[in-house]
Amino acid sequence: MLCRYRLLPGYSLTQKDLPYILTPNEFTCLVRDVANIVSLRRSLPAKLQHNRHIASAQNTHILTRNLRRLIERGEWVALSMFPQPRGIEQLRLPLMSGLQQRIEKVQNPTSLVRIKTTPTLRHQSSHVASPAVVTEKSLDNKIIVEFAGQWPNNAASISISKLKGLNEKTKKIQKDRKFSHRSLTEFSDLDKEPRALYLTIPKTHSAKELNFLLADTISPVAKETEMGEWETVLVPVRPLIYTSELQEKDKLADVIKGYIYIFWKQKLWREVSVDKNSAFSDIDVEHYRNLASDNSSKNQRRSEGHPLPHLWLPYKIAGEAQIADKGLALLFSRTALPWKTIQEIETDPELYKTLISADELESYSVNQSFDNQKHIVAIDLQAFSSLNESKLTDALSMPSQSYLNQKSNKTAVIRLTNNSGRLGLILRDQFDQRYVNMDYQLEADGRTYERITDEFGFISLDDFAQLESVFINMKANEYDVDFSNRLFVEIGTLKPLKDETGLNQRLKNHDFIIAEHDDLNEGLQKNALKNMQYHCNLAMNATRNEETIDWFDCHDAE
């Protein structure tokens, strides 16, 4: 069937497209003739097909409804293949709809400017060169940033800048008096020159500020412009941590110790320390990134940002949703990640996929709120079941007062896993097969924690990094009932691998020897090392060769 329409992103609408504009009603009538959902989806641009609300639609009715919403909001524009037999002024569009605002912006792209000239003298020779015309820039433009929800003001701000590193204007966020689902930051009295946009956070012990780049170029719009949803949108989110490896949505805890890592376009954008009050304090990531690679300070990063009650994430920048390859991903770690680990996440696509994606923020454009999705949920929809105290560590707690104070703010929660740290072990059986999704018990500091290994057989020990040792009790196989295998794992006292004691500790941690370090002679160590190399398919020479060291590096602190 010949397609009778085309769709293009709202921000790319031009004057030439206006005679072809279809109203949402006209577009809906056209797509009713499409035979099935497969044909309808194939008729859409590839970028639109990957939109979460389009890809998840299960029938033509839902797909058509979601397309109509995107068109009404001006996110996408429907065009006929032929000029329409009526003027653009005859369109019947909802007042203040995003589509109407898109059209008005294209119809009125510029404002008049005043021209200054030097007056010509009455008797001045006609051969004198004409004076240069000096134009004064119009200051009838503005930049507006939208935020999901409404909340009491905090220390964070938004800044614009023409020159790198020099804030031109800094503004706080204000509640939108017309729409209760959002807040706005407005920079008025601007010329048309594009600006860089920053998230600005004051430092606690300095007059300086931390500036996190949001966009290199944001173009101002005419001061009369209004939009149902502005082209740049940030979402305040509150991270909560799963207390179960099964990732049950109602079994979550607040963070009272640890670090949140926010990666944007697979590069670390913000590293945030969490204090006992569940407040978030930023670390100057770019400062440490620019230090020499051998500078020890890269692994001794300290937070400087003023404590904040939530984290602002960029959902949409200059009309483009920050999802997929341009999206954000978050990670929680009980302890600060080594800079080497951060670099590995930035350069390894497979490792990056293990982080929690924030793509579900896209639901804001459909509902002006957040559904109860896999990782993202409206803060007032997040439910809590009674938590087993043995599941909580000193890094987690029941929902804090800081969290409860935000329940009515119409912001969002992002659920993060509790095994995202890098200190831990991979459990394997005697055939070197990983213990995947298996029950185990961890004894530490006089308490017993019942947990499950993940899909890699990994046990996180981040929460116990300050202890000297822990015991791990696990089943011999998936059919066993009792936790018959018992491992003693040394953590805080772990010596370097090049040290004899360090090698012995690792051999014991991986259950290749059972003797204490003081009782271990050279012969027992060589036999244990050869046994380890045999089971791990390494060269059996009973020496600490490069291949053996690499195996321990990979499996001893995943």
Protein backbone atom coordinates (compact mmCIF):
# COMPACT_ATOMS: atom_id res chain seq x y z
CA MET A 1 0.00 0.00 0.00
CA LEU A 2 1.31 3.48 -0.94
CA CYS A 3 2.09 5.49 2.18
CA ARG A 4 0.18 8.79 2.22
CA TYR A 5 2.11 10.51 5.00
CA ARG A 6 5.56 10.98 6.42
CA LEU A 7 6.80 11.81 9.90
CA LEU A 8 9.74 13.94 10.93
CA PRO A 9 11.10 15.12 14.31
CA GLY A 10 9.41 18.31 15.48
CA TYR A 11 12.68 20.21 15.85
CA SER A 12 13.41 19.76 12.10
CA LEU A 13 10.15 21.40 10.93
CA THR A 14 10.76 24.24 8.40
CA GLN A 15 8.73 26.85 6.51
CA LYS A 16 8.66 24.60 3.43
CA ASP A 17 6.85 21.88 5.42
CA LEU A 18 3.94 24.04 6.62
CA PRO A 19 1.63 23.53 3.58
CA TYR A 20 1.89 19.75 4.12
CA ILE A 21 1.01 19.72 7.85
CA LEU A 22 -1.52 17.12 9.00
CA THR A 23 -3.52 17.62 12.18
CA PRO A 24 -3.54 14.75 14.71
CA ASN A 25 -7.12 13.92 13.61
CA GLU A 26 -6.16 13.83 9.92
CA PHE A 27 -3.18 11.61 10.65
CA THR A 28 -5.34 9.22 12.71
CA CYS A 29 -7.80 8.88 9.82
CA LEU A 30 -4.97 8.01 7.42
CA VAL A 31 -3.43 5.27 9.56
CA ARG A 32 -6.78 3.57 10.11
CA ASP A 33 -6.39 2.14 6.61
CA VAL A 34 -3.16 0.33 7.52
CA ALA A 35 -3.85 -3.40 7.62
CA ASN A 36 -1.84 -4.45 10.68
CA ILE A 37 0.59 -3.28 13.33
CA VAL A 38 3.63 -4.65 11.46
CA SER A 39 2.84 -2.59 8.36
CA LEU A 40 2.14 0.51 10.44
CA ARG A 41 5.39 0.20 12.39
CA ARG A 42 7.41 -0.35 9.20
CA SER A 43 6.00 2.86 7.75
CA LEU A 44 7.61 4.87 10.56
CA PRO A 45 11.12 6.39 10.54
CA ALA A 46 13.75 4.11 12.10
CA LYS A 47 14.34 6.55 14.96
CA LEU A 48 10.63 6.58 15.80
CA GLN A 49 10.40 2.78 15.60
CA HIS A 50 12.91 2.57 18.46
CA ASN A 51 10.85 4.86 20.68
CA ARG A 52 9.91 2.78 23.72
CA HIS A 53 6.21 3.63 23.54
CA ILE A 54 6.07 2.75 19.85
CA ALA A 55 8.11 -0.46 20.11
CA SER A 56 6.08 -1.77 23.07
CA ALA A 57 2.63 -1.16 21.52
CA GLN A 58 0.81 -4.49 21.19
CA ASN A 59 -1.89 -3.54 18.69
CA THR A 60 -2.71 -0.86 16.12
CA HIS A 61 -5.06 0.97 18.49
CA ILE A 62 -2.35 1.51 21.13
CA LEU A 63 0.27 2.31 18.49
CA THR A 64 -2.00 4.90 16.83
CA ARG A 65 -2.85 6.45 20.19
CA ASN A 66 0.83 6.79 21.14
CA LEU A 67 1.69 8.27 17.73
CA ARG A 68 -1.12 10.80 18.10
CA ARG A 69 0.20 11.88 21.50
CA LEU A 70 3.70 12.42 20.14
CA ILE A 71 2.27 14.53 17.30
CA GLU A 72 0.03 16.59 19.60
CA ARG A 73 3.05 17.38 21.78
CA GLY A 74 5.12 18.44 18.79
CA GLU A 75 7.72 15.72 19.38
CA TRP A 76 6.98 14.51 15.85
CA VAL A 77 5.16 16.18 12.95
CA ALA A 78 2.92 14.40 10.41
CA LEU A 79 3.11 15.63 6.81
CA SER A 80 0.99 14.76 3.80
CA MET A 81 2.65 13.76 0.54
CA PHE A 82 0.80 16.64 -1.14
CA PRO A 83 0.01 20.25 -0.13
CA GLN A 84 -3.23 20.53 1.83
CA PRO A 85 -6.19 22.48 0.34
CA ARG A 86 -6.32 24.96 3.24
CA GLY A 87 -4.09 27.55 4.81
CA ILE A 88 -2.01 26.93 7.91
CA GLU A 89 -4.19 29.43 9.79
CA GLN A 90 -7.18 27.11 9.26
CA LEU A 91 -5.68 24.28 11.27
CA ARG A 92 -7.76 23.39 14.30
CA LEU A 93 -5.24 22.51 16.95
CA PRO A 94 -5.63 22.35 20.75
CA LEU A 95 -4.73 25.70 22.30
CA MET A 96 -1.14 25.76 23.60
CA SER A 97 -0.44 22.29 22.22
CA GLY A 98 3.17 21.42 21.45
CA LEU A 99 2.36 21.11 17.72
CA GLN A 100 0.82 24.58 17.63
CA GLN A 101 3.88 26.03 19.35
CA ARG A 102 6.18 24.28 16.87
CA ILE A 103 4.29 25.82 13.96
CA GLU A 104 4.28 29.31 15.51
CA LYS A 105 8.02 29.07 16.14
CA VAL A 106 8.62 28.27 12.45
CA GLN A 107 6.23 31.02 11.29
CA ASN A 108 7.90 33.68 13.46
CA PRO A 109 11.59 32.75 13.62
CA THR A 110 13.05 36.24 14.02
CA SER A 111 12.47 39.56 15.73
CA LEU A 112 13.17 43.06 14.38
CA VAL A 113 16.47 44.69 15.27
CA ARG A 114 17.27 48.38 15.63
CA ILE A 115 19.84 49.80 13.20
CA LYS A 116 22.22 52.55 14.27
CA THR A 117 23.75 54.79 11.57
CA THR A 118 25.93 57.85 11.64
CA PRO A 119 23.97 60.92 10.37
CA THR A 120 25.11 62.39 7.02
CA LEU A 121 26.10 66.08 7.06
CA ARG A 122 24.14 68.40 4.74
CA HIS A 123 27.17 69.56 2.76
CA GLN A 124 29.17 66.33 2.98
CA SER A 125 30.75 65.26 -0.30
CA SER A 126 28.98 62.44 -2.08
CA HIS A 127 32.38 60.82 -2.62
CA VAL A 128 32.81 60.19 1.09
CA ALA A 129 32.42 56.50 1.91
CA SER A 130 29.06 55.56 3.43
CA PRO A 131 29.19 54.98 7.18
CA ALA A 132 29.23 51.39 8.41
CA VAL A 133 25.87 50.07 9.50
CA VAL A 134 25.95 48.92 13.12
CA THR A 135 23.24 46.55 14.24
CA GLU A 136 22.27 46.13 17.86
CA LYS A 137 21.31 42.62 18.83
CA SER A 138 17.72 42.06 19.83
CA LEU A 139 17.22 40.97 23.43
CA ASP A 140 13.77 39.51 22.85
CA ASN A 141 14.71 35.85 23.27
CA LYS A 142 14.83 33.30 26.06
CA ILE A 143 16.03 29.83 27.03
CA ILE A 144 13.81 27.65 29.19
CA VAL A 145 14.73 24.37 30.86
CA GLU A 146 11.94 22.12 32.11
CA PHE A 147 12.12 19.87 35.18
CA ALA A 148 9.82 17.00 36.08
CA GLY A 149 7.93 17.63 39.32
CA GLN A 150 7.86 20.44 41.86
CA TRP A 151 9.90 20.57 45.06
CA PRO A 152 11.41 22.99 47.59
CA ASN A 153 14.47 24.76 46.23
CA ASN A 154 17.95 23.38 46.91
CA ALA A 155 21.54 24.38 46.23
CA ALA A 156 21.67 23.29 42.58
CA SER A 157 21.10 25.74 39.70
CA ILE A 158 21.24 25.95 35.92
CA SER A 159 23.73 28.22 34.12
CA ILE A 160 24.20 29.45 30.56
CA SER A 161 27.46 30.61 29.07
CA LYS A 162 28.89 32.06 25.87
CA LEU A 163 32.46 31.52 27.00
CA LYS A 164 33.73 28.20 28.32
CA GLY A 165 34.24 28.26 32.08
CA LEU A 166 32.53 31.63 32.59
CA ASN A 167 28.86 31.56 33.62
CA GLU A 168 26.87 34.34 31.96
CA LYS A 169 23.72 33.80 34.03
CA THR A 170 22.77 31.35 36.78
CA LYS A 171 19.15 30.72 37.73
CA LYS A 172 17.24 28.70 40.30
CA ILE A 173 14.30 26.48 39.44
CA GLN A 174 10.77 27.84 39.88
CA LYS A 175 7.46 25.97 40.08
CA ASP A 176 5.36 26.35 36.93
CA ARG A 177 2.15 28.08 38.02
CA LYS A 178 0.20 26.80 35.00
CA PHE A 179 1.16 23.13 35.17
CA SER A 180 1.63 21.31 38.47
CA HIS A 181 3.64 18.45 36.95
CA ARG A 182 6.71 20.56 36.18
CA SER A 183 9.12 23.32 37.18
CA LEU A 184 11.01 25.74 34.93
CA THR A 185 14.20 27.75 34.73
CA GLU A 186 13.95 30.78 32.44
CA PHE A 187 16.77 32.92 31.06
CA SER A 188 15.20 36.01 29.49
CA ASP A 189 16.44 39.14 27.66
CA LEU A 190 18.83 37.17 25.46
CA ASP A 191 20.10 37.72 21.94
CA LYS A 192 19.89 34.89 19.40
CA GLU A 193 23.41 33.60 19.96
CA PRO A 194 23.50 29.95 21.19
CA ARG A 195 24.71 29.24 24.72
CA ALA A 196 26.28 26.34 26.52
CA LEU A 197 24.11 24.91 29.30
CA TYR A 198 25.41 23.69 32.68
CA LEU A 199 24.21 22.08 35.87
CA THR A 200 25.81 24.25 38.57
CA ILE A 201 26.43 23.06 42.14
CA PRO A 202 28.22 25.18 44.78
CA LYS A 203 31.18 23.72 46.64
CA THR A 204 30.84 23.32 50.40
CA HIS A 205 34.17 24.85 51.40
CA SER A 206 34.86 27.20 48.52
CA ALA A 207 33.32 30.13 46.68
CA LYS A 208 33.83 28.22 43.44
CA GLU A 209 31.22 26.01 41.78
CA LEU A 210 31.07 22.66 40.05
CA ASN A 211 29.76 22.95 36.48
CA PHE A 212 28.55 19.82 34.68
CA LEU A 213 28.03 20.36 30.95
CA LEU A 214 24.51 19.61 29.71
CA ALA A 215 24.78 20.98 26.16
CA ASP A 216 27.37 22.80 24.06
CA THR A 217 24.76 24.78 22.14
CA ILE A 218 21.21 25.67 23.14
CA SER A 219 19.51 28.16 20.82
CA PRO A 220 17.25 30.81 22.39
CA VAL A 221 13.64 31.13 21.21
CA ALA A 222 11.41 34.17 20.83
CA LYS A 223 10.11 35.47 24.14
CA GLU A 224 6.48 34.81 23.10
CA THR A 225 7.14 31.09 22.62
CA GLU A 226 5.24 28.64 24.80
CA MET A 227 5.51 24.84 24.74
CA GLY A 228 3.56 21.96 26.22
CA GLU A 229 6.94 20.34 26.81
CA TRP A 230 10.16 22.30 26.41
CA GLU A 231 13.00 21.02 24.27
CA THR A 232 15.36 20.56 27.22
CA VAL A 233 14.04 18.49 30.13
CA LEU A 234 15.78 17.29 33.31
CA VAL A 235 14.35 14.75 35.73
CA PRO A 236 15.16 14.69 39.48
CA VAL A 237 15.61 11.06 40.53
CA ARG A 238 16.12 9.36 43.85
CA PRO A 239 18.16 6.11 43.71
CA LEU A 240 16.98 3.13 45.76
CA ILE A 241 18.85 -0.16 46.05
CA TYR A 242 17.49 -3.69 45.65
CA THR A 243 17.91 -5.73 48.83
CA SER A 244 17.40 -8.98 46.91
CA GLU A 245 19.33 -10.47 44.02
CA LEU A 246 15.89 -11.31 42.56
CA GLN A 247 15.36 -7.55 42.12
CA GLU A 248 11.87 -7.47 43.61
CA LYS A 249 10.38 -4.02 43.05
CA ASP A 250 9.04 -3.62 46.58
CA LYS A 251 12.20 -4.79 48.36
CA LEU A 252 14.31 -1.67 48.20
CA ALA A 253 16.41 0.34 50.63
CA ASP A 254 17.72 3.87 50.84
CA VAL A 255 21.46 4.54 50.52
CA ILE A 256 23.19 5.95 53.61
CA LYS A 257 26.76 5.18 52.56
CA GLY A 258 28.39 4.61 49.21
CA TYR A 259 28.71 6.11 45.75
CA ILE A 260 26.40 6.64 42.78
CA TYR A 261 28.01 6.74 39.33
CA ILE A 262 26.18 8.42 36.43
CA PHE A 263 27.53 7.61 32.97
CA TRP A 264 26.32 9.60 29.96
CA LYS A 265 27.10 8.43 26.42
CA GLN A 266 29.36 5.77 28.03
CA LYS A 267 31.50 8.36 29.82
CA LEU A 268 31.44 9.11 33.54
CA TRP A 269 29.51 12.37 33.94
CA ARG A 270 29.00 12.52 37.72
CA GLU A 271 30.41 10.63 40.70
CA VAL A 272 28.36 11.25 43.83
CA SER A 273 29.13 10.38 47.44
CA VAL A 274 26.14 9.52 49.67
CA ASP A 275 26.19 10.48 53.36
CA LYS A 276 24.35 9.11 56.40
CA ASN A 277 21.41 11.45 55.72
CA SER A 278 21.01 10.07 52.19
CA ALA A 279 22.21 13.35 50.69
CA PHE A 280 24.27 13.41 47.48
CA SER A 281 27.55 15.30 47.24
CA ASP A 282 29.37 15.59 43.90
CA ILE A 283 33.01 14.86 43.18
CA ASP A 284 34.86 17.00 40.62
CA VAL A 285 35.21 14.21 38.05
CA GLU A 286 36.94 16.28 35.37
CA HIS A 287 39.59 17.48 37.83
CA TYR A 288 40.64 13.91 38.59
CA ARG A 289 40.29 12.83 34.97
CA ASN A 290 42.87 15.43 33.96
CA LEU A 291 45.45 14.30 36.53
CA ALA A 292 48.39 12.24 35.33
CA SER A 293 47.67 8.51 35.13
CA ASP A 294 50.24 7.71 37.83
CA ASN A 295 48.90 10.34 40.26
CA SER A 296 47.73 8.56 43.41
CA SER A 297 45.02 11.21 43.93
CA LYS A 298 42.99 9.64 41.10
CA ASN A 299 42.00 6.92 43.57
CA GLN A 300 41.59 9.29 46.54
CA ARG A 301 38.78 11.42 45.18
CA ARG A 302 36.82 13.49 47.70
CA SER A 303 33.39 15.04 47.40
CA GLU A 304 33.12 18.83 47.31
CA GLY A 305 29.59 19.54 46.12
CA HIS A 306 26.87 20.90 48.40
CA PRO A 307 24.66 17.97 49.58
CA LEU A 308 21.53 17.56 47.44
CA PRO A 309 18.27 15.64 48.08
CA HIS A 310 18.12 14.08 44.60
CA LEU A 311 20.03 13.77 41.33
CA TRP A 312 19.12 15.72 38.17
CA LEU A 313 19.36 13.60 35.02
CA PRO A 314 19.12 15.04 31.48
CA TYR A 315 16.21 13.30 29.75
CA LYS A 316 15.95 15.57 26.70
CA ILE A 317 18.48 18.05 25.30
CA ALA A 318 17.58 20.47 22.48
CA GLY A 319 14.60 18.34 21.51
CA GLU A 320 16.47 15.02 21.43
CA ALA A 321 15.75 12.29 23.97
CA GLN A 322 18.92 11.06 25.70
CA ILE A 323 18.36 7.33 25.25
CA ALA A 324 20.13 4.32 23.69
CA ASP A 325 23.68 5.28 22.60
CA LYS A 326 23.15 8.82 23.87
CA GLY A 327 21.53 7.70 27.11
CA LEU A 328 22.46 7.51 30.77
CA ALA A 329 23.33 4.51 32.92
CA LEU A 330 23.79 4.37 36.70
CA LEU A 331 25.71 2.20 39.11
CA PHE A 332 25.82 1.95 42.91
CA SER A 333 28.97 0.90 44.72
CA ARG A 334 29.51 0.54 48.45
CA THR A 335 33.09 1.80 48.03
CA ALA A 336 34.65 4.23 45.56
CA LEU A 337 35.61 2.58 42.28
CA PRO A 338 39.29 2.62 41.31
CA TRP A 339 39.89 4.97 38.38
CA LYS A 340 41.06 1.97 36.37
CA THR A 341 37.63 0.38 36.80
CA ILE A 342 35.92 3.58 35.65
CA GLN A 343 38.07 3.55 32.52
CA GLU A 344 37.16 -0.10 31.89
CA ILE A 345 33.45 0.72 32.07
CA GLU A 346 33.95 3.63 29.67
CA THR A 347 35.79 1.51 27.10
CA ASP A 348 34.11 -1.91 27.38
CA PRO A 349 30.62 -1.96 25.75
CA GLU A 350 29.76 -5.33 27.30
CA LEU A 351 30.69 -4.15 30.79
CA TYR A 352 28.72 -0.94 30.23
CA LYS A 353 25.59 -2.98 29.47
CA THR A 354 25.60 -4.32 33.05
CA LEU A 355 24.76 -0.84 34.38
CA ILE A 356 21.16 0.27 34.95
CA SER A 357 19.83 2.25 31.97
CA ALA A 358 17.75 5.39 32.50
CA ASP A 359 16.00 5.13 29.10
CA GLU A 360 12.63 4.67 30.83
CA LEU A 361 12.64 8.39 31.67
CA GLU A 362 11.09 8.64 28.19
CA SER A 363 7.68 7.93 29.72
CA TYR A 364 7.60 11.54 30.95
CA SER A 365 6.76 12.79 27.45
CA VAL A 366 3.66 10.59 27.29
CA ASN A 367 2.16 11.02 30.75
CA GLN A 368 4.03 13.96 32.36
CA SER A 369 4.81 11.40 35.06
CA PHE A 370 6.39 7.96 35.41
CA ASP A 371 4.75 4.53 35.35
CA ASN A 372 5.86 1.64 37.55
CA GLN A 373 8.46 0.39 35.08
CA LYS A 374 11.36 -2.00 35.48
CA HIS A 375 13.89 0.55 36.73
CA ILE A 376 12.06 3.92 36.75
CA VAL A 377 8.92 4.64 38.79
CA ALA A 378 7.09 7.72 40.03
CA ILE A 379 8.24 8.39 43.58
CA ASP A 380 4.66 8.30 44.91
CA LEU A 381 4.03 4.89 43.28
CA GLN A 382 7.03 3.16 44.85
CA ALA A 383 5.79 0.63 47.41
CA PHE A 384 7.84 -0.98 50.19
CA SER A 385 7.39 -4.39 51.76
CA SER A 386 8.76 -5.20 55.20
CA LEU A 387 12.51 -5.59 54.87
CA ASN A 388 14.48 -8.44 56.38
CA GLU A 389 17.09 -6.78 58.58
CA SER A 390 19.66 -9.42 57.61
CA LYS A 391 19.45 -8.14 54.03
CA LEU A 392 20.59 -4.67 55.03
CA THR A 393 24.18 -3.60 55.60
CA ASP A 394 25.66 -0.44 57.05
CA ALA A 395 25.30 1.14 53.58
CA LEU A 396 21.51 0.71 53.39
CA SER A 397 18.51 1.61 55.51
CA MET A 398 14.75 1.80 55.53
CA PRO A 399 13.47 4.83 53.53
CA SER A 400 15.05 7.87 55.16
CA GLN A 401 13.29 11.09 56.13
CA SER A 402 14.99 12.75 53.19
CA TYR A 403 13.25 10.26 50.89
CA LEU A 404 9.86 10.50 52.60
CA ASN A 405 9.93 14.30 52.31
CA GLN A 406 9.90 13.94 48.52
CA LYS A 407 6.93 11.58 48.15
CA SER A 408 4.61 14.34 46.87
CA ASN A 409 7.12 16.03 44.55
CA LYS A 410 6.11 14.17 41.34
CA THR A 411 9.72 13.21 40.72
CA ALA A 412 11.12 9.73 40.00
CA VAL A 413 12.90 6.78 41.61
CA ILE A 414 15.55 4.72 39.84
CA ARG A 415 16.14 1.21 41.17
CA LEU A 416 19.78 0.08 41.25
CA THR A 417 21.34 -3.28 41.99
CA ASN A 418 23.37 -3.93 45.12
CA ASN A 419 26.05 -6.05 43.44
CA SER A 420 27.53 -3.36 41.27
CA GLY A 421 30.78 -3.07 43.19
CA ARG A 422 34.04 -4.61 42.04
CA LEU A 423 35.16 -6.47 45.17
CA GLY A 424 34.01 -10.07 45.23
CA LEU A 425 34.42 -13.66 44.10
CA ILE A 426 33.08 -15.86 41.34
CA LEU A 427 32.00 -19.22 42.78
CA ARG A 428 32.82 -22.33 40.74
CA ASP A 429 32.43 -26.07 41.24
CA GLN A 430 35.11 -28.76 40.92
CA PHE A 431 34.62 -28.73 37.14
CA ASP A 432 35.28 -24.98 37.01
CA GLN A 433 31.62 -24.29 36.21
CA ARG A 434 30.15 -21.12 37.70
CA TYR A 435 27.55 -21.29 40.49
CA VAL A 436 24.89 -19.30 38.64
CA ASN A 437 21.78 -18.05 40.52
CA MET A 438 22.55 -20.32 43.48
CA ASP A 439 21.65 -19.76 47.14
CA TYR A 440 24.50 -19.10 49.54
CA GLN A 441 25.01 -17.80 53.07
CA LEU A 442 27.55 -15.17 54.03
CA GLU A 443 28.70 -14.91 57.66
CA ALA A 444 30.25 -11.58 58.60
CA ASP A 445 30.59 -9.52 61.75
CA GLY A 446 28.44 -11.91 63.78
CA ARG A 447 25.52 -11.93 61.31
CA THR A 448 24.34 -14.31 58.59
CA TYR A 449 23.14 -12.98 55.21
CA GLU A 450 21.12 -15.19 52.88
CA ARG A 451 21.81 -14.31 49.26
CA ILE A 452 21.90 -15.60 45.68
CA THR A 453 24.76 -15.46 43.19
CA ASP A 454 24.04 -13.54 39.99
CA GLU A 455 24.01 -14.81 36.39
CA PHE A 456 27.82 -14.86 36.44
CA GLY A 457 28.14 -16.76 39.71
CA PHE A 458 29.41 -13.55 41.30
CA ILE A 459 29.37 -12.75 45.03
CA SER A 460 29.77 -9.07 45.88
CA LEU A 461 31.90 -8.30 48.94
CA ASP A 462 31.77 -4.50 48.62
CA ASP A 463 29.63 -4.18 51.74
CA PHE A 464 32.29 -6.01 53.78
CA ALA A 465 35.40 -4.31 52.40
CA GLN A 466 36.36 -3.02 55.86
CA LEU A 467 36.32 -6.49 57.47
CA GLU A 468 39.30 -8.82 57.67
CA SER A 469 37.41 -11.93 56.57
CA VAL A 470 34.03 -13.57 55.93
CA PHE A 471 32.71 -17.13 55.69
CA ILE A 472 30.73 -18.28 52.65
CA ASN A 473 28.48 -21.34 52.93
CA MET A 474 27.19 -22.81 49.67
CA LYS A 475 25.60 -25.97 48.31
CA ALA A 476 27.63 -28.64 46.57
CA ASN A 477 25.24 -28.55 43.59
CA GLU A 478 21.80 -27.27 42.60
CA TYR A 479 20.09 -30.41 43.95
CA ASP A 480 21.67 -30.23 47.40
CA VAL A 481 19.60 -29.05 50.37
CA ASP A 482 22.33 -28.25 52.88
CA PHE A 483 25.05 -25.63 52.63
CA SER A 484 27.77 -28.26 52.93
CA ASN A 485 30.66 -26.33 51.35
CA ARG A 486 32.28 -23.69 53.53
CA LEU A 487 34.85 -21.11 52.39
CA PHE A 488 36.94 -18.76 54.50
CA VAL A 489 37.61 -15.54 52.56
CA GLU A 490 40.15 -12.96 53.67
CA ILE A 491 39.44 -9.38 52.61
CA GLY A 492 40.96 -6.60 54.67
CA THR A 493 44.18 -8.54 55.26
CA LEU A 494 44.68 -9.55 51.62
CA LYS A 495 48.33 -9.09 50.66
CA PRO A 496 49.62 -8.28 47.14
CA LEU A 497 49.72 -11.26 44.79
CA LYS A 498 53.50 -10.99 44.42
CA ASP A 499 53.80 -11.63 48.16
CA GLU A 500 53.97 -15.30 49.27
CA THR A 501 51.22 -14.74 51.83
CA GLY A 502 49.12 -12.98 49.17
CA LEU A 503 49.36 -16.00 46.86
CA ASN A 504 48.49 -18.39 49.69
CA GLN A 505 45.51 -16.27 50.70
CA ARG A 506 44.09 -16.41 47.19
CA LEU A 507 44.65 -20.14 46.87
CA LYS A 508 42.76 -20.58 50.12
CA ASN A 509 40.00 -18.16 49.13
CA HIS A 510 39.39 -20.26 46.03
CA ASP A 511 39.42 -23.51 48.04
CA PHE A 512 42.61 -24.96 46.55
CA ILE A 513 44.26 -25.32 49.98
CA ILE A 514 42.93 -25.68 53.50
CA ALA A 515 46.11 -25.23 55.55
CA GLU A 516 46.71 -22.03 57.51
CA HIS A 517 49.38 -19.68 56.15
CA ASP A 518 51.82 -20.37 58.97
CA ASP A 519 51.58 -24.15 58.35
CA LEU A 520 51.98 -23.93 54.57
CA ASN A 521 55.36 -25.04 53.22
CA GLU A 522 56.75 -24.64 49.71
CA GLY A 523 55.72 -28.14 48.63
CA LEU A 524 52.08 -27.67 49.68
CA GLN A 525 51.97 -24.32 47.93
CA LYS A 526 53.29 -25.77 44.65
CA ASN A 527 50.82 -28.65 44.78
CA ALA A 528 47.96 -26.21 45.41
CA LEU A 529 49.13 -23.93 42.60
CA LYS A 530 49.40 -26.87 40.19
CA ASN A 531 45.93 -28.04 41.25
CA MET A 532 44.54 -24.58 40.57
CA GLN A 533 46.22 -24.45 37.13
CA TYR A 534 44.85 -27.89 36.26
CA HIS A 535 41.26 -27.02 37.13
CA CYS A 536 41.48 -23.66 35.34
CA ASN A 537 43.06 -25.06 32.15
CA LEU A 538 46.29 -23.11 32.62
CA ALA A 539 49.86 -24.18 31.98
CA MET A 540 50.71 -26.59 34.85
CA ASN A 541 54.16 -25.43 35.95
CA ALA A 542 53.40 -24.60 39.61
CA THR A 543 54.82 -21.10 39.14
CA ARG A 544 53.28 -17.70 39.50
CA ASN A 545 53.43 -17.00 35.76
CA GLU A 546 51.64 -14.21 33.90
CA GLU A 547 48.73 -16.46 32.91
CA THR A 548 48.11 -17.44 36.55
CA ILE A 549 48.34 -13.83 37.75
CA ASP A 550 45.82 -12.79 35.07
CA TRP A 551 43.41 -15.50 36.27
CA PHE A 552 43.54 -14.22 39.85
CA ASP A 553 43.14 -10.61 38.66
CA CYS A 554 40.04 -11.65 36.74
CA HIS A 555 38.40 -13.90 39.36
CA ASP A 556 39.58 -12.66 42.73
CA ALA A 557 38.16 -9.14 42.48
CA GLU A 558 35.56 -9.17 39.72
